[in-house]
Amino acid sequence: MPLSSGQTEKTIEAINFLVDPSSNRYGQLLNWQNLPDPFWHYGIGLSDTHIFDTGQGLCPFERNEANFVLGIDHIAFSPDQTIKRLKHALSVFADWEYTLPG
């Protein structure tokens, strides 16, 4: 579902409130499963307790268990740059819909 400009601003404020640069998950690509759902879901770590859902939710949520995505070190940005790009992408893709063509 597309985000309004107000929703985008609130989401960025939530990210700013939840980030913890001292966390080893900060700015890292994470994945997890919601069993019995067989699909893997991906997001960006904000802290030891919160992840930004890069899928349908486009929002931070609380989750303690998640895995680091392995084998991407050669294409990964620094954690600070990843968080900056995340916030920028929210504005750029505010009207994007999470669908097969999207």
PDB file of N, CA and C in Angstrom:
ATOM      1  N   MET A   1       0.839  -1.170   0.000  1.00  0.00           N
ATOM      2  CA  MET A   1       0.000   0.000   0.000  1.00  0.00           C
ATOM      3  C   MET A   1       0.889   1.239   0.000  1.00  0.00           C
ATOM      4  N   PRO A   2       0.645   2.159  -0.886  1.00  0.00           N
ATOM      5  CA  PRO A   2       1.453   3.379  -0.941  1.00  0.00           C
ATOM      6  C   PRO A   2       1.367   4.183   0.358  1.00  0.00           C
ATOM      7  N   LEU A   3       2.424   4.925   0.648  1.00  0.00           N
ATOM      8  CA  LEU A   3       2.468   5.766   1.845  1.00  0.00           C
ATOM      9  C   LEU A   3       2.170   7.213   1.468  1.00  0.00           C
ATOM     10  N   SER A   4       1.361   7.872   2.280  1.00  0.00           N
ATOM     11  CA  SER A   4       1.144   9.304   2.079  1.00  0.00           C
ATOM     12  C   SER A   4       2.386  10.039   2.582  1.00  0.00           C
ATOM     13  N   SER A   5       2.513  11.318   2.265  1.00  0.00           N
ATOM     14  CA  SER A   5       3.686  12.065   2.724  1.00  0.00           C
ATOM     15  C   SER A   5       3.714  12.114   4.255  1.00  0.00           C
ATOM     16  N   GLY A   6       2.551  12.203   4.894  1.00  0.00           N
ATOM     17  CA  GLY A   6       2.489  12.187   6.352  1.00  0.00           C
ATOM     18  C   GLY A   6       2.942  10.852   6.929  1.00  0.00           C
ATOM     19  N   GLN A   7       2.528   9.756   6.288  1.00  0.00           N
ATOM     20  CA  GLN A   7       2.951   8.430   6.736  1.00  0.00           C
ATOM     21  C   GLN A   7       4.458   8.258   6.547  1.00  0.00           C
ATOM     22  N   THR A   8       4.984   8.761   5.441  1.00  0.00           N
ATOM     23  CA  THR A   8       6.420   8.671   5.183  1.00  0.00           C
ATOM     24  C   THR A   8       7.187   9.401   6.276  1.00  0.00           C
ATOM     25  N   GLU A   9       6.756  10.605   6.626  1.00  0.00           N
ATOM     26  CA  GLU A   9       7.422  11.375   7.681  1.00  0.00           C
ATOM     27  C   GLU A   9       7.361  10.647   9.020  1.00  0.00           C
ATOM     28  N   LYS A  10       6.209  10.064   9.354  1.00  0.00           N
ATOM     29  CA  LYS A  10       6.074   9.335  10.616  1.00  0.00           C
ATOM     30  C   LYS A  10       6.942   8.083  10.631  1.00  0.00           C
ATOM     31  N   THR A  11       7.061   7.422   9.500  1.00  0.00           N
ATOM     32  CA  THR A  11       7.896   6.227   9.411  1.00  0.00           C
ATOM     33  C   THR A  11       9.364   6.597   9.603  1.00  0.00           C
ATOM     34  N   ILE A  12       9.798   7.688   9.000  1.00  0.00           N
ATOM     35  CA  ILE A  12      11.184   8.143   9.167  1.00  0.00           C
ATOM     36  C   ILE A  12      11.439   8.544  10.617  1.00  0.00           C
ATOM     37  N   GLU A  13      10.469   9.207  11.249  1.00  0.00           N
ATOM     38  CA  GLU A  13      10.599   9.551  12.670  1.00  0.00           C
ATOM     39  C   GLU A  13      10.726   8.290  13.524  1.00  0.00           C
ATOM     40  N   ALA A  14       9.944   7.261  13.203  1.00  0.00           N
ATOM     41  CA  ALA A  14      10.011   6.001  13.952  1.00  0.00           C
ATOM     42  C   ALA A  14      11.380   5.343  13.776  1.00  0.00           C
ATOM     43  N   ILE A  15      11.901   5.368  12.553  1.00  0.00           N
ATOM     44  CA  ILE A  15      13.232   4.816  12.307  1.00  0.00           C
ATOM     45  C   ILE A  15      14.258   5.558  13.152  1.00  0.00           C
ATOM     46  N   ASN A  16      14.201   6.895  13.128  1.00  0.00           N
ATOM     47  CA  ASN A  16      15.153   7.702  13.911  1.00  0.00           C
ATOM     48  C   ASN A  16      15.059   7.396  15.402  1.00  0.00           C
ATOM     49  N   PHE A  17      13.867   7.125  15.889  1.00  0.00           N
ATOM     50  CA  PHE A  17      13.668   6.824  17.302  1.00  0.00           C
ATOM     51  C   PHE A  17      14.198   5.435  17.666  1.00  0.00           C
ATOM     52  N   LEU A  18      14.055   4.466  16.758  1.00  0.00           N
ATOM     53  CA  LEU A  18      14.372   3.068  17.062  1.00  0.00           C
ATOM     54  C   LEU A  18      15.813   2.656  16.759  1.00  0.00           C
ATOM     55  N   VAL A  19      16.522   3.402  15.919  1.00  0.00           N
ATOM     56  CA  VAL A  19      17.870   2.958  15.545  1.00  0.00           C
ATOM     57  C   VAL A  19      18.810   2.973  16.749  1.00  0.00           C
ATOM     58  N   ASP A  20      19.694   1.986  16.751  1.00  0.00           N
ATOM     59  CA  ASP A  20      20.736   1.881  17.770  1.00  0.00           C
ATOM     60  C   ASP A  20      22.036   1.513  17.058  1.00  0.00           C
ATOM     61  N   PRO A  21      22.871   2.516  16.729  1.00  0.00           N
ATOM     62  CA  PRO A  21      24.113   2.248  16.007  1.00  0.00           C
ATOM     63  C   PRO A  21      25.074   1.299  16.732  1.00  0.00           C
ATOM     64  N   SER A  22      24.880   1.081  18.028  1.00  0.00           N
ATOM     65  CA  SER A  22      25.759   0.146  18.747  1.00  0.00           C
ATOM     66  C   SER A  22      25.325  -1.310  18.571  1.00  0.00           C
ATOM     67  N   SER A  23      24.151  -1.544  17.985  1.00  0.00           N
ATOM     68  CA  SER A  23      23.665  -2.908  17.754  1.00  0.00           C
ATOM     69  C   SER A  23      24.402  -3.541  16.581  1.00  0.00           C
ATOM     70  N   ASN A  24      24.716  -4.828  16.690  1.00  0.00           N
ATOM     71  CA  ASN A  24      25.363  -5.504  15.562  1.00  0.00           C
ATOM     72  C   ASN A  24      24.379  -5.759  14.420  1.00  0.00           C
ATOM     73  N   ARG A  25      23.088  -5.546  14.648  1.00  0.00           N
ATOM     74  CA  ARG A  25      22.087  -5.691  13.580  1.00  0.00           C
ATOM     75  C   ARG A  25      21.828  -4.378  12.846  1.00  0.00           C
ATOM     76  N   TYR A  26      22.305  -3.261  13.374  1.00  0.00           N
ATOM     77  CA  TYR A  26      22.073  -1.926  12.805  1.00  0.00           C
ATOM     78  C   TYR A  26      22.552  -1.849  11.351  1.00  0.00           C
ATOM     79  N   GLY A  27      21.639  -1.533  10.442  1.00  0.00           N
ATOM     80  CA  GLY A  27      21.976  -1.347   9.044  1.00  0.00           C
ATOM     81  C   GLY A  27      22.323  -2.622   8.292  1.00  0.00           C
ATOM     82  N   GLN A  28      22.018  -3.776   8.872  1.00  0.00           N
ATOM     83  CA  GLN A  28      22.338  -5.059   8.244  1.00  0.00           C
ATOM     84  C   GLN A  28      21.090  -5.664   7.607  1.00  0.00           C
ATOM     85  N   LEU A  29      21.283  -6.392   6.507  1.00  0.00           N
ATOM     86  CA  LEU A  29      20.181  -7.107   5.871  1.00  0.00           C
ATOM     87  C   LEU A  29      19.918  -8.376   6.678  1.00  0.00           C
ATOM     88  N   LEU A  30      18.666  -8.527   7.095  1.00  0.00           N
ATOM     89  CA  LEU A  30      18.263  -9.661   7.921  1.00  0.00           C
ATOM     90  C   LEU A  30      17.158 -10.438   7.227  1.00  0.00           C
ATOM     91  N   ASN A  31      17.033 -11.725   7.584  1.00  0.00           N
ATOM     92  CA  ASN A  31      15.898 -12.497   7.082  1.00  0.00           C
ATOM     93  C   ASN A  31      15.343 -13.367   8.194  1.00  0.00           C
ATOM     94  N   TRP A  32      14.090 -13.780   8.011  1.00  0.00           N
ATOM     95  CA  TRP A  32      13.380 -14.561   9.011  1.00  0.00           C
ATOM     96  C   TRP A  32      12.210 -15.255   8.352  1.00  0.00           C
ATOM     97  N   GLN A  33      11.668 -16.248   9.049  1.00  0.00           N
ATOM     98  CA  GLN A  33      10.460 -16.930   8.609  1.00  0.00           C
ATOM     99  C   GLN A  33       9.389 -16.769   9.678  1.00  0.00           C
ATOM    100  N   ASN A  34       8.157 -16.718   9.246  1.00  0.00           N
ATOM    101  CA  ASN A  34       7.009 -16.726  10.153  1.00  0.00           C
ATOM    102  C   ASN A  34       6.331 -18.088   9.985  1.00  0.00           C
ATOM    103  N   LEU A  35       6.870 -19.088  10.683  1.00  0.00           N
ATOM    104  CA  LEU A  35       6.345 -20.445  10.530  1.00  0.00           C
ATOM    105  C   LEU A  35       4.889 -20.506  10.946  1.00  0.00           C
ATOM    106  N   PRO A  36       4.067 -21.283  10.263  1.00  0.00           N
ATOM    107  CA  PRO A  36       4.376 -22.286   9.266  1.00  0.00           C
ATOM    108  C   PRO A  36       4.536 -21.747   7.847  1.00  0.00           C
ATOM    109  N   ASP A  37       4.482 -20.441   7.668  1.00  0.00           N
ATOM    110  CA  ASP A  37       4.706 -19.818   6.363  1.00  0.00           C
ATOM    111  C   ASP A  37       6.089 -20.244   5.847  1.00  0.00           C
ATOM    112  N   PRO A  38       6.188 -20.848   4.659  1.00  0.00           N
ATOM    113  CA  PRO A  38       7.479 -21.344   4.174  1.00  0.00           C
ATOM    114  C   PRO A  38       8.376 -20.259   3.560  1.00  0.00           C
ATOM    115  N   PHE A  39       7.890 -19.035   3.456  1.00  0.00           N
ATOM    116  CA  PHE A  39       8.628 -17.986   2.776  1.00  0.00           C
ATOM    117  C   PHE A  39       9.596 -17.275   3.713  1.00  0.00           C
ATOM    118  N   TRP A  40      10.711 -16.834   3.139  1.00  0.00           N
ATOM    119  CA  TRP A  40      11.667 -16.013   3.872  1.00  0.00           C
ATOM    120  C   TRP A  40      11.307 -14.554   3.647  1.00  0.00           C
ATOM    121  N   HIS A  41      11.394 -13.781   4.695  1.00  0.00           N
ATOM    122  CA  HIS A  41      11.116 -12.353   4.647  1.00  0.00           C
ATOM    123  C   HIS A  41      12.415 -11.608   4.927  1.00  0.00           C
ATOM    124  N   TYR A  42      12.552 -10.411   4.363  1.00  0.00           N
ATOM    125  CA  TYR A  42      13.791  -9.643   4.480  1.00  0.00           C
ATOM    126  C   TYR A  42      13.516  -8.249   5.016  1.00  0.00           C
ATOM    127  N   GLY A  43      14.478  -7.722   5.752  1.00  0.00           N
ATOM    128  CA  GLY A  43      14.360  -6.379   6.281  1.00  0.00           C
ATOM    129  C   GLY A  43      15.725  -5.848   6.685  1.00  0.00           C
ATOM    130  N   ILE A  44      15.735  -4.628   7.163  1.00  0.00           N
ATOM    131  CA  ILE A  44      16.970  -3.958   7.572  1.00  0.00           C
ATOM    132  C   ILE A  44      16.941  -3.787   9.082  1.00  0.00           C
ATOM    133  N   GLY A  45      17.997  -4.262   9.730  1.00  0.00           N
ATOM    134  CA  GLY A  45      18.087  -4.160  11.174  1.00  0.00           C
ATOM    135  C   GLY A  45      18.215  -2.714  11.631  1.00  0.00           C
ATOM    136  N   LEU A  46      17.443  -2.365  12.645  1.00  0.00           N
ATOM    137  CA  LEU A  46      17.514  -1.038  13.235  1.00  0.00           C
ATOM    138  C   LEU A  46      18.189  -1.093  14.606  1.00  0.00           C
ATOM    139  N   SER A  47      17.960  -2.188  15.329  1.00  0.00           N
ATOM    140  CA  SER A  47      18.495  -2.351  16.684  1.00  0.00           C
ATOM    141  C   SER A  47      18.453  -3.840  17.019  1.00  0.00           C
ATOM    142  N   ASP A  48      18.764  -4.180  18.259  1.00  0.00           N
ATOM    143  CA  ASP A  48      18.689  -5.576  18.686  1.00  0.00           C
ATOM    144  C   ASP A  48      17.257  -6.089  18.722  1.00  0.00           C
ATOM    145  N   THR A  49      16.304  -5.179  18.763  1.00  0.00           N
ATOM    146  CA  THR A  49      14.900  -5.581  18.906  1.00  0.00           C
ATOM    147  C   THR A  49      14.006  -5.198  17.736  1.00  0.00           C
ATOM    148  N   HIS A  50      14.469  -4.320  16.833  1.00  0.00           N
ATOM    149  CA  HIS A  50      13.597  -3.837  15.762  1.00  0.00           C
ATOM    150  C   HIS A  50      14.221  -4.006  14.380  1.00  0.00           C
ATOM    151  N   ILE A  51      13.344  -4.287  13.433  1.00  0.00           N
ATOM    152  CA  ILE A  51      13.707  -4.472  12.022  1.00  0.00           C
ATOM    153  C   ILE A  51      12.777  -3.594  11.202  1.00  0.00           C
ATOM    154  N   PHE A  52      13.282  -3.074  10.093  1.00  0.00           N
ATOM    155  CA  PHE A  52      12.410  -2.376   9.155  1.00  0.00           C
ATOM    156  C   PHE A  52      11.971  -3.381   8.104  1.00  0.00           C
ATOM    157  N   ASP A  53      10.673  -3.561   7.966  1.00  0.00           N
ATOM    158  CA  ASP A  53      10.097  -4.493   6.992  1.00  0.00           C
ATOM    159  C   ASP A  53      10.153  -3.870   5.611  1.00  0.00           C
ATOM    160  N   THR A  54      10.977  -4.421   4.738  1.00  0.00           N
ATOM    161  CA  THR A  54      11.117  -3.886   3.377  1.00  0.00           C
ATOM    162  C   THR A  54      10.068  -4.460   2.428  1.00  0.00           C
ATOM    163  N   GLY A  55       9.198  -5.304   2.935  1.00  0.00           N
ATOM    164  CA  GLY A  55       8.148  -5.893   2.108  1.00  0.00           C
ATOM    165  C   GLY A  55       6.860  -5.108   2.215  1.00  0.00           C
ATOM    166  N   GLN A  56       5.780  -5.831   2.403  1.00  0.00           N
ATOM    167  CA  GLN A  56       4.453  -5.217   2.408  1.00  0.00           C
ATOM    168  C   GLN A  56       4.259  -4.172   3.490  1.00  0.00           C
ATOM    169  N   GLY A  57       4.899  -4.344   4.627  1.00  0.00           N
ATOM    170  CA  GLY A  57       4.650  -3.433   5.735  1.00  0.00           C
ATOM    171  C   GLY A  57       5.256  -2.059   5.586  1.00  0.00           C
ATOM    172  N   LEU A  58       6.457  -1.968   5.015  1.00  0.00           N
ATOM    173  CA  LEU A  58       7.209  -0.720   4.925  1.00  0.00           C
ATOM    174  C   LEU A  58       7.167   0.040   6.251  1.00  0.00           C
ATOM    175  N   CYS A  59       7.492  -0.689   7.326  1.00  0.00           N
ATOM    176  CA  CYS A  59       7.461  -0.082   8.652  1.00  0.00           C
ATOM    177  C   CYS A  59       8.370  -0.853   9.603  1.00  0.00           C
ATOM    178  N   PRO A  60       8.782  -0.206  10.687  1.00  0.00           N
ATOM    179  CA  PRO A  60       9.556  -0.925  11.701  1.00  0.00           C
ATOM    180  C   PRO A  60       8.636  -1.834  12.512  1.00  0.00           C
ATOM    181  N   PHE A  61       9.189  -2.951  12.967  1.00  0.00           N
ATOM    182  CA  PHE A  61       8.439  -3.833  13.851  1.00  0.00           C
ATOM    183  C   PHE A  61       9.411  -4.525  14.792  1.00  0.00           C
ATOM    184  N   GLU A  62       8.884  -5.033  15.873  1.00  0.00           N
ATOM    185  CA  GLU A  62       9.725  -5.674  16.878  1.00  0.00           C
ATOM    186  C   GLU A  62       9.886  -7.158  16.558  1.00  0.00           C
ATOM    187  N   ARG A  63      11.143  -7.595  16.543  1.00  0.00           N
ATOM    188  CA  ARG A  63      11.436  -9.018  16.346  1.00  0.00           C
ATOM    189  C   ARG A  63      12.845  -9.267  16.858  1.00  0.00           C
ATOM    190  N   ASN A  64      12.973 -10.197  17.785  1.00  0.00           N
ATOM    191  CA  ASN A  64      14.279 -10.506  18.355  1.00  0.00           C
ATOM    192  C   ASN A  64      15.044 -11.543  17.546  1.00  0.00           C
ATOM    193  N   GLU A  65      14.344 -12.495  16.942  1.00  0.00           N
ATOM    194  CA  GLU A  65      15.007 -13.554  16.192  1.00  0.00           C
ATOM    195  C   GLU A  65      15.047 -13.217  14.700  1.00  0.00           C
ATOM    196  N   ALA A  66      16.247 -13.142  14.159  1.00  0.00           N
ATOM    197  CA  ALA A  66      16.447 -12.919  12.721  1.00  0.00           C
ATOM    198  C   ALA A  66      17.868 -13.350  12.397  1.00  0.00           C
ATOM    199  N   ASN A  67      18.095 -13.665  11.138  1.00  0.00           N
ATOM    200  CA  ASN A  67      19.411 -14.101  10.677  1.00  0.00           C
ATOM    201  C   ASN A  67      20.049 -13.030   9.813  1.00  0.00           C
ATOM    202  N   PHE A  68      21.378 -12.956   9.861  1.00  0.00           N
ATOM    203  CA  PHE A  68      22.101 -12.098   8.937  1.00  0.00           C
ATOM    204  C   PHE A  68      22.116 -12.786   7.584  1.00  0.00           C
ATOM    205  N   VAL A  69      21.883 -12.036   6.516  1.00  0.00           N
ATOM    206  CA  VAL A  69      21.964 -12.587   5.171  1.00  0.00           C
ATOM    207  C   VAL A  69      23.444 -12.714   4.832  1.00  0.00           C
ATOM    208  N   LEU A  70      23.869 -13.921   4.524  1.00  0.00           N
ATOM    209  CA  LEU A  70      25.282 -14.201   4.270  1.00  0.00           C
ATOM    210  C   LEU A  70      25.627 -14.018   2.801  1.00  0.00           C
ATOM    211  N   GLY A  71      26.890 -13.739   2.530  1.00  0.00           N
ATOM    212  CA  GLY A  71      27.389 -13.686   1.161  1.00  0.00           C
ATOM    213  C   GLY A  71      27.127 -12.388   0.431  1.00  0.00           C
ATOM    214  N   ILE A  72      26.812 -11.306   1.159  1.00  0.00           N
ATOM    215  CA  ILE A  72      26.532 -10.038   0.485  1.00  0.00           C
ATOM    216  C   ILE A  72      27.539  -8.957   0.851  1.00  0.00           C
ATOM    217  N   ASP A  73      28.579  -9.320   1.576  1.00  0.00           N
ATOM    218  CA  ASP A  73      29.549  -8.324   2.044  1.00  0.00           C
ATOM    219  C   ASP A  73      30.141  -7.501   0.906  1.00  0.00           C
ATOM    220  N   HIS A  74      30.333  -8.112  -0.248  1.00  0.00           N
ATOM    221  CA  HIS A  74      30.953  -7.406  -1.374  1.00  0.00           C
ATOM    222  C   HIS A  74      30.026  -6.375  -2.021  1.00  0.00           C
ATOM    223  N   ILE A  75      28.736  -6.431  -1.720  1.00  0.00           N
ATOM    224  CA  ILE A  75      27.806  -5.446  -2.297  1.00  0.00           C
ATOM    225  C   ILE A  75      27.143  -4.581  -1.227  1.00  0.00           C
ATOM    226  N   ALA A  76      27.432  -4.843   0.035  1.00  0.00           N
ATOM    227  CA  ALA A  76      26.769  -4.133   1.125  1.00  0.00           C
ATOM    228  C   ALA A  76      27.346  -2.737   1.330  1.00  0.00           C
ATOM    229  N   PHE A  77      26.494  -1.818   1.761  1.00  0.00           N
ATOM    230  CA  PHE A  77      26.909  -0.474   2.147  1.00  0.00           C
ATOM    231  C   PHE A  77      27.247  -0.487   3.634  1.00  0.00           C
ATOM    232  N   SER A  78      27.868   0.572   4.106  1.00  0.00           N
ATOM    233  CA  SER A  78      28.102   0.699   5.541  1.00  0.00           C
ATOM    234  C   SER A  78      26.737   0.806   6.225  1.00  0.00           C
ATOM    235  N   PRO A  79      26.640   0.413   7.508  1.00  0.00           N
ATOM    236  CA  PRO A  79      25.345   0.504   8.194  1.00  0.00           C
ATOM    237  C   PRO A  79      24.747   1.913   8.180  1.00  0.00           C
ATOM    238  N   ASP A  80      25.562   2.940   8.418  1.00  0.00           N
ATOM    239  CA  ASP A  80      25.026   4.318   8.391  1.00  0.00           C
ATOM    240  C   ASP A  80      24.467   4.663   7.018  1.00  0.00           C
ATOM    241  N   GLN A  81      25.191   4.280   5.980  1.00  0.00           N
ATOM    242  CA  GLN A  81      24.741   4.573   4.618  1.00  0.00           C
ATOM    243  C   GLN A  81      23.462   3.791   4.296  1.00  0.00           C
ATOM    244  N   THR A  82      23.363   2.567   4.781  1.00  0.00           N
ATOM    245  CA  THR A  82      22.158   1.770   4.547  1.00  0.00           C
ATOM    246  C   THR A  82      20.938   2.437   5.165  1.00  0.00           C
ATOM    247  N   ILE A  83      21.065   2.927   6.392  1.00  0.00           N
ATOM    248  CA  ILE A  83      19.935   3.595   7.057  1.00  0.00           C
ATOM    249  C   ILE A  83      19.580   4.899   6.333  1.00  0.00           C
ATOM    250  N   LYS A  84      20.575   5.657   5.894  1.00  0.00           N
ATOM    251  CA  LYS A  84      20.298   6.890   5.132  1.00  0.00           C
ATOM    252  C   LYS A  84      19.575   6.566   3.833  1.00  0.00           C
ATOM    253  N   ARG A  85      20.024   5.515   3.139  1.00  0.00           N
ATOM    254  CA  ARG A  85      19.389   5.122   1.874  1.00  0.00           C
ATOM    255  C   ARG A  85      17.970   4.619   2.112  1.00  0.00           C
ATOM    256  N   LEU A  86      17.753   3.921   3.229  1.00  0.00           N
ATOM    257  CA  LEU A  86      16.414   3.456   3.574  1.00  0.00           C
ATOM    258  C   LEU A  86      15.461   4.635   3.714  1.00  0.00           C
ATOM    259  N   LYS A  87      15.867   5.637   4.465  1.00  0.00           N
ATOM    260  CA  LYS A  87      14.997   6.802   4.673  1.00  0.00           C
ATOM    261  C   LYS A  87      14.754   7.556   3.365  1.00  0.00           C
ATOM    262  N   HIS A  88      15.758   7.655   2.537  1.00  0.00           N
ATOM    263  CA  HIS A  88      15.591   8.319   1.236  1.00  0.00           C
ATOM    264  C   HIS A  88      14.638   7.511   0.343  1.00  0.00           C
ATOM    265  N   ALA A  89      14.797   6.201   0.357  1.00  0.00           N
ATOM    266  CA  ALA A  89      13.957   5.341  -0.485  1.00  0.00           C
ATOM    267  C   ALA A  89      12.482   5.443  -0.094  1.00  0.00           C
ATOM    268  N   LEU A  90      12.202   5.661   1.173  1.00  0.00           N
ATOM    269  CA  LEU A  90      10.802   5.812   1.588  1.00  0.00           C
ATOM    270  C   LEU A  90      10.134   6.971   0.876  1.00  0.00           C
ATOM    271  N   SER A  91      10.862   8.052   0.702  1.00  0.00           N
ATOM    272  CA  SER A  91      10.305   9.203  -0.018  1.00  0.00           C
ATOM    273  C   SER A  91      10.206   8.935  -1.510  1.00  0.00           C
ATOM    274  N   VAL A  92      11.248   8.347  -2.072  1.00  0.00           N
ATOM    275  CA  VAL A  92      11.290   8.104  -3.519  1.00  0.00           C
ATOM    276  C   VAL A  92      10.221   7.106  -3.950  1.00  0.00           C
ATOM    277  N   PHE A  93      10.025   6.065  -3.153  1.00  0.00           N
ATOM    278  CA  PHE A  93       9.097   4.998  -3.523  1.00  0.00           C
ATOM    279  C   PHE A  93       7.800   5.042  -2.724  1.00  0.00           C
ATOM    280  N   ALA A  94       7.399   6.195  -2.258  1.00  0.00           N
ATOM    281  CA  ALA A  94       6.210   6.327  -1.400  1.00  0.00           C
ATOM    282  C   ALA A  94       4.954   5.781  -2.066  1.00  0.00           C
ATOM    283  N   ASP A  95       4.836   5.898  -3.382  1.00  0.00           N
ATOM    284  CA  ASP A  95       3.618   5.421  -4.052  1.00  0.00           C
ATOM    285  C   ASP A  95       3.781   4.048  -4.692  1.00  0.00           C
ATOM    286  N   TRP A  96       4.865   3.369  -4.362  1.00  0.00           N
ATOM    287  CA  TRP A  96       5.146   2.040  -4.892  1.00  0.00           C
ATOM    288  C   TRP A  96       4.284   1.003  -4.191  1.00  0.00           C
ATOM    289  N   GLU A  97       3.785   0.035  -4.946  1.00  0.00           N
ATOM    290  CA  GLU A  97       2.983  -1.036  -4.350  1.00  0.00           C
ATOM    291  C   GLU A  97       3.783  -2.324  -4.374  1.00  0.00           C
ATOM    292  N   TYR A  98       3.739  -3.072  -3.273  1.00  0.00           N
ATOM    293  CA  TYR A  98       4.457  -4.331  -3.142  1.00  0.00           C
ATOM    294  C   TYR A  98       3.651  -5.432  -3.834  1.00  0.00           C
ATOM    295  N   THR A  99       3.919  -5.581  -5.136  1.00  0.00           N
ATOM    296  CA  THR A  99       3.228  -6.598  -5.929  1.00  0.00           C
ATOM    297  C   THR A  99       4.260  -7.258  -6.832  1.00  0.00           C
ATOM    298  N   LEU A 100       3.846  -8.264  -7.565  1.00  0.00           N
ATOM    299  CA  LEU A 100       4.777  -8.956  -8.453  1.00  0.00           C
ATOM    300  C   LEU A 100       5.453  -8.004  -9.449  1.00  0.00           C
ATOM    301  N   PRO A 101       4.696  -7.136 -10.152  1.00  0.00           N
ATOM    302  CA  PRO A 101       5.374  -6.209 -11.056  1.00  0.00           C
ATOM    303  C   PRO A 101       6.188  -5.136 -10.307  1.00  0.00           C
ATOM    304  N   GLY A 102       5.765  -4.795  -9.070  1.00  0.00           N
ATOM    305  CA  GLY A 102       6.460  -3.777  -8.292  1.00  0.00           C
ATOM    306  C   GLY A 102       7.776  -4.288  -7.785  1.00  0.00           C
TER     307      GLY A 102
END
